[in-house]
N, C-alpha and C. Protein backbone atom coordinates (compact mmCIF):
# COMPACT_ATOMS: atom_id res chain seq x y z
N MET A 1 0.80 -1.23 -0.16
CA MET A 1 -0.24 0.41 0.21
C MET A 1 1.31 1.22 -0.11
N LYS A 2 0.79 2.55 -1.12
CA LYS A 2 1.48 3.08 -1.05
C LYS A 2 1.29 4.29 -0.06
N LYS A 3 2.20 4.72 0.04
CA LYS A 3 1.84 5.77 1.73
C LYS A 3 1.78 7.14 0.76
N ASN A 4 0.70 8.18 1.48
CA ASN A 4 0.61 8.92 0.83
C ASN A 4 1.05 10.50 1.29
N PRO A 5 1.44 10.48 0.26
CA PRO A 5 3.00 12.06 0.79
C PRO A 5 1.83 13.31 1.43
N ILE A 6 0.67 13.42 1.52
CA ILE A 6 -0.15 14.44 3.07
C ILE A 6 0.13 13.59 4.03
N ASP A 7 -0.16 14.66 4.89
CA ASP A 7 -0.07 14.07 5.98
C ASP A 7 1.45 13.55 6.73
N ALA A 8 3.00 14.49 5.91
CA ALA A 8 4.36 13.16 5.88
C ALA A 8 5.06 14.11 6.27
N THR A 9 6.36 12.99 7.48
CA THR A 9 7.13 13.55 7.68
C THR A 9 8.18 13.65 7.71
N HIS A 10 9.29 13.94 7.56
CA HIS A 10 10.65 14.52 6.91
C HIS A 10 11.57 14.75 7.87
N ILE A 11 12.94 13.72 7.67
CA ILE A 11 13.85 14.54 8.78
C ILE A 11 15.24 14.99 7.76
N ILE A 12 15.08 16.15 8.12
CA ILE A 12 16.04 16.83 7.97
C ILE A 12 17.35 17.73 9.19
N ASN A 13 18.74 17.29 7.92
CA ASN A 13 19.84 17.48 8.10
C ASN A 13 20.47 18.92 8.58
N THR A 14 20.44 19.30 9.89
CA THR A 14 21.12 20.94 9.38
C THR A 14 22.50 21.27 10.30
N PRO A 15 23.33 22.01 9.96
CA PRO A 15 24.42 22.23 10.96
C PRO A 15 24.11 22.73 12.29
N ILE A 16 23.43 22.80 12.60
CA ILE A 16 22.68 22.41 14.02
C ILE A 16 22.29 21.23 14.61
N GLY A 17 21.68 20.25 14.15
CA GLY A 17 21.04 19.05 14.39
C GLY A 17 20.15 18.89 13.55
N LYS A 18 19.68 17.75 14.36
CA LYS A 18 18.89 17.47 12.95
C LYS A 18 16.74 18.29 13.54
N MET A 19 16.33 17.92 12.20
CA MET A 19 14.79 18.98 12.43
C MET A 19 13.92 17.84 12.08
N ILE A 20 12.97 17.37 12.37
CA ILE A 20 11.40 17.04 12.33
C ILE A 20 10.94 17.64 11.84
N ALA A 21 10.67 17.31 10.21
CA ALA A 21 8.70 18.61 9.38
C ALA A 21 7.99 17.69 9.44
N THR A 22 6.86 17.89 9.33
CA THR A 22 5.79 17.71 9.21
C THR A 22 4.44 18.54 8.01
N ALA A 23 3.94 17.62 7.36
CA ALA A 23 2.94 19.16 6.68
C ALA A 23 1.67 18.40 5.82
N ASP A 24 0.56 18.66 6.09
CA ASP A 24 -0.45 18.40 5.72
C ASP A 24 -1.34 19.02 4.44
N GLU A 25 -2.09 18.39 3.42
CA GLU A 25 -2.57 19.47 2.57
C GLU A 25 -2.02 20.70 1.89
N ASN A 26 -2.46 21.51 3.20
CA ASN A 26 -2.76 22.80 3.25
C ASN A 26 -1.02 23.84 3.47
N GLY A 27 0.06 22.87 4.17
CA GLY A 27 1.10 23.81 4.13
C GLY A 27 1.76 22.65 5.49
N ILE A 28 2.78 23.63 5.68
CA ILE A 28 4.36 23.13 7.32
C ILE A 28 3.48 23.00 8.08
N THR A 29 3.07 21.92 8.60
CA THR A 29 2.65 21.46 10.50
C THR A 29 3.47 22.20 11.29
N SER A 30 5.10 21.30 11.02
CA SER A 30 5.48 21.07 12.04
C SER A 30 7.23 21.41 12.01
N LEU A 31 8.04 22.12 12.67
CA LEU A 31 9.24 22.09 12.45
C LEU A 31 10.51 22.19 13.75
N ASP A 32 11.35 21.76 13.70
CA ASP A 32 11.37 21.22 15.42
C ASP A 32 13.14 20.32 15.48
N PHE A 33 13.71 20.75 15.70
CA PHE A 33 15.12 20.00 16.77
C PHE A 33 15.23 18.99 17.32
N THR A 34 15.50 17.66 17.86
CA THR A 34 15.68 16.97 17.78
C THR A 34 16.72 16.20 18.11
N ASP A 35 17.17 15.66 19.67
CA ASP A 35 18.22 15.12 19.80
C ASP A 35 18.99 14.13 19.75
N ASP A 36 17.21 13.30 18.86
CA ASP A 36 17.13 11.60 19.07
C ASP A 36 17.87 11.56 17.62
N THR A 37 18.56 9.75 18.11
CA THR A 37 19.02 9.04 17.60
C THR A 37 17.66 8.88 16.74
N LEU A 38 17.72 9.64 15.08
CA LEU A 38 16.64 9.16 14.03
C LEU A 38 17.36 8.72 12.87
N GLU A 39 16.28 7.59 12.01
CA GLU A 39 16.90 7.47 10.79
C GLU A 39 16.68 8.90 9.52
N GLY A 40 16.95 8.67 8.75
CA GLY A 40 16.79 9.56 8.18
C GLY A 40 15.65 9.27 7.14
N THR A 41 14.55 9.87 6.89
CA THR A 41 12.77 9.68 6.78
C THR A 41 12.88 10.89 5.67
N ALA A 42 13.10 9.71 4.28
CA ALA A 42 12.75 11.42 3.24
C ALA A 42 11.36 10.88 2.57
N SER A 43 10.62 12.26 2.79
CA SER A 43 8.90 11.97 2.11
C SER A 43 9.23 12.56 0.21
N ASP A 44 8.46 12.06 0.23
CA ASP A 44 7.66 12.66 -1.86
C ASP A 44 6.84 13.43 -1.11
N ASN A 45 6.53 14.33 -0.49
CA ASN A 45 5.41 15.20 0.11
C ASN A 45 6.52 16.32 -0.54
N PRO A 46 6.27 17.62 -1.74
CA PRO A 46 6.60 18.36 -2.40
C PRO A 46 7.17 19.30 -1.29
N LEU A 47 6.28 19.36 -0.80
CA LEU A 47 6.26 20.64 -0.08
C LEU A 47 7.08 20.77 1.28
N LEU A 48 7.77 19.14 1.76
CA LEU A 48 8.70 19.29 2.47
C LEU A 48 10.13 18.47 1.61
N ILE A 49 9.73 18.43 1.07
CA ILE A 49 11.42 18.44 -0.59
C ILE A 49 11.87 20.11 -0.04
N ARG A 50 10.43 20.85 -0.79
CA ARG A 50 11.28 22.09 -0.39
C ARG A 50 11.53 23.17 0.33
N LEU A 51 10.68 22.25 1.65
CA LEU A 51 11.37 23.28 2.40
C LEU A 51 13.34 22.89 3.15
N GLN A 52 13.33 22.04 2.95
CA GLN A 52 14.11 21.31 2.74
C GLN A 52 15.52 21.88 2.03
N GLU A 53 14.71 22.33 0.56
CA GLU A 53 16.07 22.84 -0.47
C GLU A 53 16.11 24.07 0.59
N GLU A 54 14.94 24.82 0.91
CA GLU A 54 14.80 26.73 1.84
C GLU A 54 15.65 26.90 2.94
N MET A 55 15.34 25.36 3.83
CA MET A 55 16.64 25.36 4.49
C MET A 55 17.98 25.71 4.56
N CYS A 56 18.32 24.28 3.40
CA CYS A 56 19.69 24.26 3.25
C CYS A 56 20.40 25.85 2.38
N GLU A 57 18.88 26.79 1.64
CA GLU A 57 19.74 27.66 0.98
C GLU A 57 19.78 28.90 2.45
N TYR A 58 18.61 28.45 3.83
CA TYR A 58 18.73 29.46 5.03
C TYR A 58 20.59 29.37 4.82
N PHE A 59 20.81 27.99 5.51
CA PHE A 59 22.12 27.79 6.54
C PHE A 59 23.21 28.30 5.70
N GLU A 60 23.39 28.33 4.41
CA GLU A 60 24.56 29.08 3.54
C GLU A 60 24.36 30.40 3.45
N GLY A 61 23.36 30.72 3.79
CA GLY A 61 23.43 32.50 4.35
C GLY A 61 22.81 32.94 2.85
N LYS A 62 21.86 32.06 2.14
CA LYS A 62 21.58 32.33 0.85
C LYS A 62 19.61 32.77 0.49
N ARG A 63 19.56 33.09 1.93
CA ARG A 63 18.07 32.31 2.08
C ARG A 63 17.72 33.95 3.39
N ARG A 64 16.33 34.40 3.39
CA ARG A 64 16.30 35.36 4.05
C ARG A 64 14.92 35.10 4.58
N THR A 65 13.95 34.77 3.89
CA THR A 65 12.65 34.63 4.15
C THR A 65 12.04 33.04 3.31
N PHE A 66 11.51 32.70 3.74
CA PHE A 66 10.49 31.16 3.02
C PHE A 66 9.29 31.19 1.85
N THR A 67 9.62 30.50 1.40
CA THR A 67 7.95 31.23 0.76
C THR A 67 7.13 29.72 0.99
N LEU A 68 6.86 29.17 1.92
CA LEU A 68 6.00 28.18 1.57
C LEU A 68 4.96 28.49 2.57
N PRO A 69 3.63 27.40 2.67
CA PRO A 69 2.71 27.61 3.26
C PRO A 69 3.08 27.16 5.04
N LEU A 70 2.29 27.50 5.27
CA LEU A 70 2.36 27.35 6.92
C LEU A 70 0.78 27.04 7.38
N SER A 71 1.03 25.56 7.68
CA SER A 71 -0.36 25.39 8.80
C SER A 71 -0.18 24.58 10.16
N VAL A 72 -0.26 26.07 10.75
CA VAL A 72 -0.55 25.95 11.79
C VAL A 72 -1.30 25.72 13.02
N ASN A 73 -1.79 25.28 13.76
CA ASN A 73 -2.46 24.53 14.58
C ASN A 73 -2.55 24.79 16.21
N GLY A 74 -3.36 25.84 16.45
CA GLY A 74 -2.65 26.69 18.25
C GLY A 74 -4.45 27.65 18.30
N THR A 75 -4.09 27.99 19.45
CA THR A 75 -5.22 29.08 20.07
C THR A 75 -5.12 30.24 19.12
N PRO A 76 -6.61 31.50 18.80
CA PRO A 76 -6.09 32.89 18.26
C PRO A 76 -5.38 33.36 18.94
N PHE A 77 -5.12 33.29 19.84
CA PHE A 77 -4.54 33.90 20.32
C PHE A 77 -2.79 33.58 20.47
N GLN A 78 -2.14 32.68 20.61
CA GLN A 78 -1.47 31.61 19.86
C GLN A 78 -0.76 32.90 17.89
N LYS A 79 -1.79 31.90 17.49
CA LYS A 79 -2.06 32.22 15.94
C LYS A 79 -1.04 34.09 15.73
N GLY A 80 -1.90 34.42 16.78
CA GLY A 80 -1.63 36.32 16.53
C GLY A 80 -0.47 36.37 16.66
N VAL A 81 -0.22 35.62 18.14
CA VAL A 81 1.83 35.79 18.32
C VAL A 81 2.77 35.51 17.07
N TRP A 82 2.40 34.08 16.76
CA TRP A 82 3.19 33.33 15.47
C TRP A 82 3.20 34.57 14.10
N GLU A 83 1.93 35.42 14.24
CA GLU A 83 1.87 36.21 13.13
C GLU A 83 2.76 38.04 13.37
N THR A 84 2.72 38.03 14.59
CA THR A 84 3.67 39.46 15.03
C THR A 84 4.97 39.03 14.52
N LEU A 85 5.78 37.52 15.48
CA LEU A 85 6.55 36.44 14.74
C LEU A 85 7.40 36.77 13.29
N CYS A 86 6.50 36.55 12.67
CA CYS A 86 6.76 36.42 11.21
C CYS A 86 7.61 37.93 10.23
N THR A 87 6.74 39.00 11.77
CA THR A 87 6.73 40.03 11.80
C THR A 87 8.76 41.09 11.31
N ILE A 88 9.29 39.83 12.10
CA ILE A 88 10.65 40.38 12.47
C ILE A 88 11.59 40.32 10.90
N PRO A 89 11.75 41.32 10.96
CA PRO A 89 12.92 41.41 9.75
C PRO A 89 14.18 39.75 10.12
N TYR A 90 14.55 40.21 9.10
CA TYR A 90 16.02 38.93 9.51
C TYR A 90 17.27 39.55 9.68
N GLY A 91 17.52 38.78 10.60
CA GLY A 91 19.43 39.18 11.24
C GLY A 91 19.03 40.66 12.40
N GLU A 92 17.62 41.17 12.70
CA GLU A 92 16.87 41.88 13.63
C GLU A 92 16.20 40.74 15.02
N THR A 93 16.54 41.52 15.88
CA THR A 93 16.08 40.70 17.41
C THR A 93 15.52 42.04 17.69
N ILE A 94 14.11 41.95 18.49
CA ILE A 94 13.41 42.00 19.41
C ILE A 94 13.18 42.07 20.67
N PHE A 95 12.61 42.75 21.96
CA PHE A 95 12.15 42.08 23.28
C PHE A 95 11.25 41.00 23.11
N TYR A 96 10.91 41.10 23.92
CA TYR A 96 9.45 39.93 24.39
C TYR A 96 8.72 41.80 24.59
N ALA A 97 9.31 42.00 25.53
CA ALA A 97 7.68 43.76 26.06
C ALA A 97 7.87 44.21 24.29
N THR A 98 8.50 44.08 23.39
CA THR A 98 8.56 44.97 22.11
C THR A 98 7.59 43.97 21.46
N GLU A 99 7.72 42.82 21.72
CA GLU A 99 6.62 42.22 20.43
C GLU A 99 5.99 42.26 21.22
N ALA A 100 5.07 42.16 22.45
CA ALA A 100 4.00 42.52 23.37
C ALA A 100 3.40 43.30 22.99
N LYS A 101 4.10 44.28 23.15
CA LYS A 101 3.51 45.82 22.07
C LYS A 101 2.82 45.57 20.15
N VAL A 102 3.77 45.42 19.84
CA VAL A 102 3.28 45.04 18.74
C VAL A 102 2.38 43.92 18.38
N PHE A 103 1.94 43.37 19.19
CA PHE A 103 1.24 42.41 18.86
C PHE A 103 -0.06 42.70 19.55
N GLY A 104 0.01 44.50 19.52
CA GLY A 104 -1.18 44.91 20.28
C GLY A 104 -2.07 44.58 21.58
N ASN A 105 -0.46 43.95 22.37
CA ASN A 105 -1.41 43.71 23.93
C ASN A 105 -0.30 43.75 24.94
N PRO A 106 0.70 45.62 24.61
CA PRO A 106 1.67 45.36 26.03
C PRO A 106 1.66 44.96 27.24
N LYS A 107 0.76 44.47 28.54
CA LYS A 107 0.92 44.08 29.34
C LYS A 107 0.43 42.41 29.51
N ALA A 108 0.73 42.03 28.26
CA ALA A 108 1.06 40.49 27.93
C ALA A 108 2.17 39.45 27.55
N VAL A 109 3.12 40.71 28.31
CA VAL A 109 4.43 40.15 27.76
C VAL A 109 4.48 38.14 28.04
N ARG A 110 4.26 37.85 29.24
CA ARG A 110 4.42 36.31 30.00
C ARG A 110 3.64 35.11 29.19
N ALA A 111 2.69 35.95 28.66
CA ALA A 111 2.06 35.04 27.25
C ALA A 111 1.70 34.76 26.36
N VAL A 112 3.17 35.69 25.77
CA VAL A 112 3.53 36.17 24.64
C VAL A 112 4.15 35.33 25.11
N ALA A 113 5.43 35.86 25.39
CA ALA A 113 6.38 34.66 25.50
C ALA A 113 6.07 32.72 26.01
N SER A 114 4.98 33.14 26.24
CA SER A 114 4.57 31.11 26.70
C SER A 114 3.92 31.45 25.82
N ALA A 115 3.07 31.58 24.00
CA ALA A 115 2.64 31.24 23.02
C ALA A 115 4.25 31.16 21.74
N ASN A 116 5.34 32.18 21.75
CA ASN A 116 6.40 32.10 21.50
C ASN A 116 6.54 30.75 21.95
N ALA A 117 6.83 30.31 23.01
CA ALA A 117 7.49 28.84 23.70
C ALA A 117 7.00 27.60 22.71
N ARG A 118 5.18 28.16 22.75
CA ARG A 118 4.91 26.67 21.86
C ARG A 118 5.01 26.83 20.30
N ASN A 119 5.49 27.76 19.90
CA ASN A 119 5.61 27.97 18.28
C ASN A 119 5.71 26.52 17.87
N PRO A 120 5.03 25.95 16.68
CA PRO A 120 5.33 24.63 16.81
C PRO A 120 6.57 24.68 15.16
N ILE A 121 6.72 25.48 14.86
CA ILE A 121 8.28 25.67 13.24
C ILE A 121 8.79 27.18 13.45
N ALA A 122 9.75 26.22 13.46
CA ALA A 122 11.43 26.76 13.99
C ALA A 122 10.93 27.69 13.09
N ILE A 123 12.24 28.50 13.09
CA ILE A 123 13.42 29.13 11.72
C ILE A 123 12.27 29.67 11.38
N LEU A 124 10.93 29.33 10.63
CA LEU A 124 10.02 29.57 9.34
C LEU A 124 9.42 31.01 9.92
N ILE A 125 8.46 30.66 11.31
CA ILE A 125 8.13 31.76 12.68
C ILE A 125 9.14 32.04 13.83
N PRO A 126 10.30 32.83 13.34
CA PRO A 126 11.13 33.14 13.82
C PRO A 126 10.74 33.48 15.30
N CYS A 127 11.25 32.48 16.59
CA CYS A 127 10.62 33.01 17.73
C CYS A 127 12.28 33.03 18.34
N HIS A 128 13.41 32.67 17.61
CA HIS A 128 14.59 32.95 17.88
C HIS A 128 15.10 33.90 18.00
N ARG A 129 14.38 35.57 17.56
CA ARG A 129 14.77 36.72 17.22
C ARG A 129 14.25 37.63 18.26
N VAL A 130 13.53 37.51 18.69
CA VAL A 130 12.99 37.67 20.07
C VAL A 130 14.21 37.22 21.39
N ILE A 131 14.54 38.24 21.71
CA ILE A 131 15.83 38.43 23.42
C ILE A 131 14.90 39.20 24.51
N ALA A 132 15.43 38.62 25.49
CA ALA A 132 15.51 39.79 27.15
C ALA A 132 15.52 40.70 26.85
N SER A 133 14.54 41.66 28.07
CA SER A 133 14.88 43.20 28.16
C SER A 133 16.14 43.70 28.58
N ASP A 134 16.76 42.41 28.98
CA ASP A 134 18.02 42.75 30.00
C ASP A 134 18.80 42.76 28.65
N GLY A 135 18.68 42.57 27.28
CA GLY A 135 19.96 41.70 26.27
C GLY A 135 20.56 40.51 26.02
N GLY A 136 19.90 39.71 27.12
CA GLY A 136 20.38 38.32 27.75
C GLY A 136 19.80 37.90 26.31
N ILE A 137 20.12 36.42 25.86
CA ILE A 137 19.81 35.52 24.59
C ILE A 137 18.33 35.21 24.86
N GLY A 138 18.05 34.61 26.22
CA GLY A 138 15.99 34.54 26.80
C GLY A 138 16.39 32.98 25.83
N GLY A 139 15.31 32.53 26.00
CA GLY A 139 15.10 30.82 26.05
C GLY A 139 14.91 30.43 24.85
N TYR A 140 15.19 29.22 23.86
CA TYR A 140 14.83 28.84 23.24
C TYR A 140 14.49 27.44 23.64
N SER A 141 13.35 26.63 23.05
CA SER A 141 13.07 25.12 23.04
C SER A 141 13.80 24.30 22.05
N GLY A 142 14.74 24.88 21.57
CA GLY A 142 15.41 24.50 20.26
C GLY A 142 17.09 23.48 21.08
N GLY A 143 17.18 25.07 22.06
CA GLY A 143 18.28 25.25 23.49
C GLY A 143 19.16 26.82 23.01
N VAL A 144 19.74 27.43 23.78
CA VAL A 144 20.44 28.34 23.88
C VAL A 144 20.99 28.86 23.25
N TRP A 145 22.16 27.39 22.35
CA TRP A 145 23.05 27.69 21.98
C TRP A 145 22.37 27.48 20.34
N ARG A 146 21.30 27.46 20.08
CA ARG A 146 21.23 26.73 18.96
C ARG A 146 20.42 28.23 18.11
N LYS A 147 19.36 28.70 19.41
CA LYS A 147 19.17 30.13 18.80
C LYS A 147 21.29 31.47 18.71
N GLU A 148 21.19 31.18 19.84
CA GLU A 148 23.21 31.90 19.62
C GLU A 148 22.86 31.45 17.93
N PHE A 149 23.59 30.38 17.63
CA PHE A 149 23.86 29.99 15.84
C PHE A 149 22.81 31.08 15.15
N LEU A 150 22.01 30.92 15.39
CA LEU A 150 20.56 31.09 14.52
C LEU A 150 20.83 32.90 13.83
N LEU A 151 21.42 33.31 15.34
CA LEU A 151 21.43 34.74 15.69
C LEU A 151 22.17 35.55 15.23
N ASP A 152 23.55 34.38 15.16
CA ASP A 152 25.06 34.96 14.41
C ASP A 152 24.59 34.30 13.44
N LEU A 153 24.44 33.60 12.84
CA LEU A 153 24.49 33.24 10.92
C LEU A 153 23.08 34.76 10.02
N GLU A 154 22.42 35.04 11.25
CA GLU A 154 21.38 35.40 10.08
C GLU A 154 22.54 36.95 10.03
N LYS A 155 22.86 37.86 11.49
CA LYS A 155 24.29 38.15 11.69
C LYS A 155 25.07 39.26 10.41
N ARG A 156 25.62 37.53 10.58
CA ARG A 156 26.74 37.81 9.03
C ARG A 156 26.22 37.53 8.09
N ASN A 157 24.53 36.98 7.69
CA ASN A 157 24.34 37.22 6.58
C ASN A 157 22.88 38.55 5.80
N LYS A 158 23.60 39.05 6.56
CA LYS A 158 22.79 40.07 6.83
C LYS A 158 22.38 41.21 5.96
N ALA A 159 23.33 42.16 5.68
CA ALA A 159 23.93 42.92 4.64
C ALA A 159 23.67 42.74 2.57
């Protein structure tokens, strides 16, 4: 029985570890780092094949924006926060408090940070571009060292 290419999973190797990507018929549904030892899963889903290509270009410093449709599940609040994250330009950072203001609810800093932590699509929804108000790196579900790598990568290739 042939596996349906929709609702597919794909492993993407990056310079900072493996990522697990999933997609449905509407777009990319998740992209997250994993430290688990996984065998390479190659999908014939065209969205996931294109995601792998765009991720390779991103890590080579050749891509600043992604062209793939996203299909995220979350509350309306979370989706609004994730849309706000997508407005942060490549190579730039903002504070969590600034993000809450841009989102339209300056008193919701903790709720906004919590929504960032639940971001299902790393890098494409760039929660790594949000830092603590004291200038510290802040947290990152993929690991702070990965966040530092991503910020450095974007800073080097911003020009």
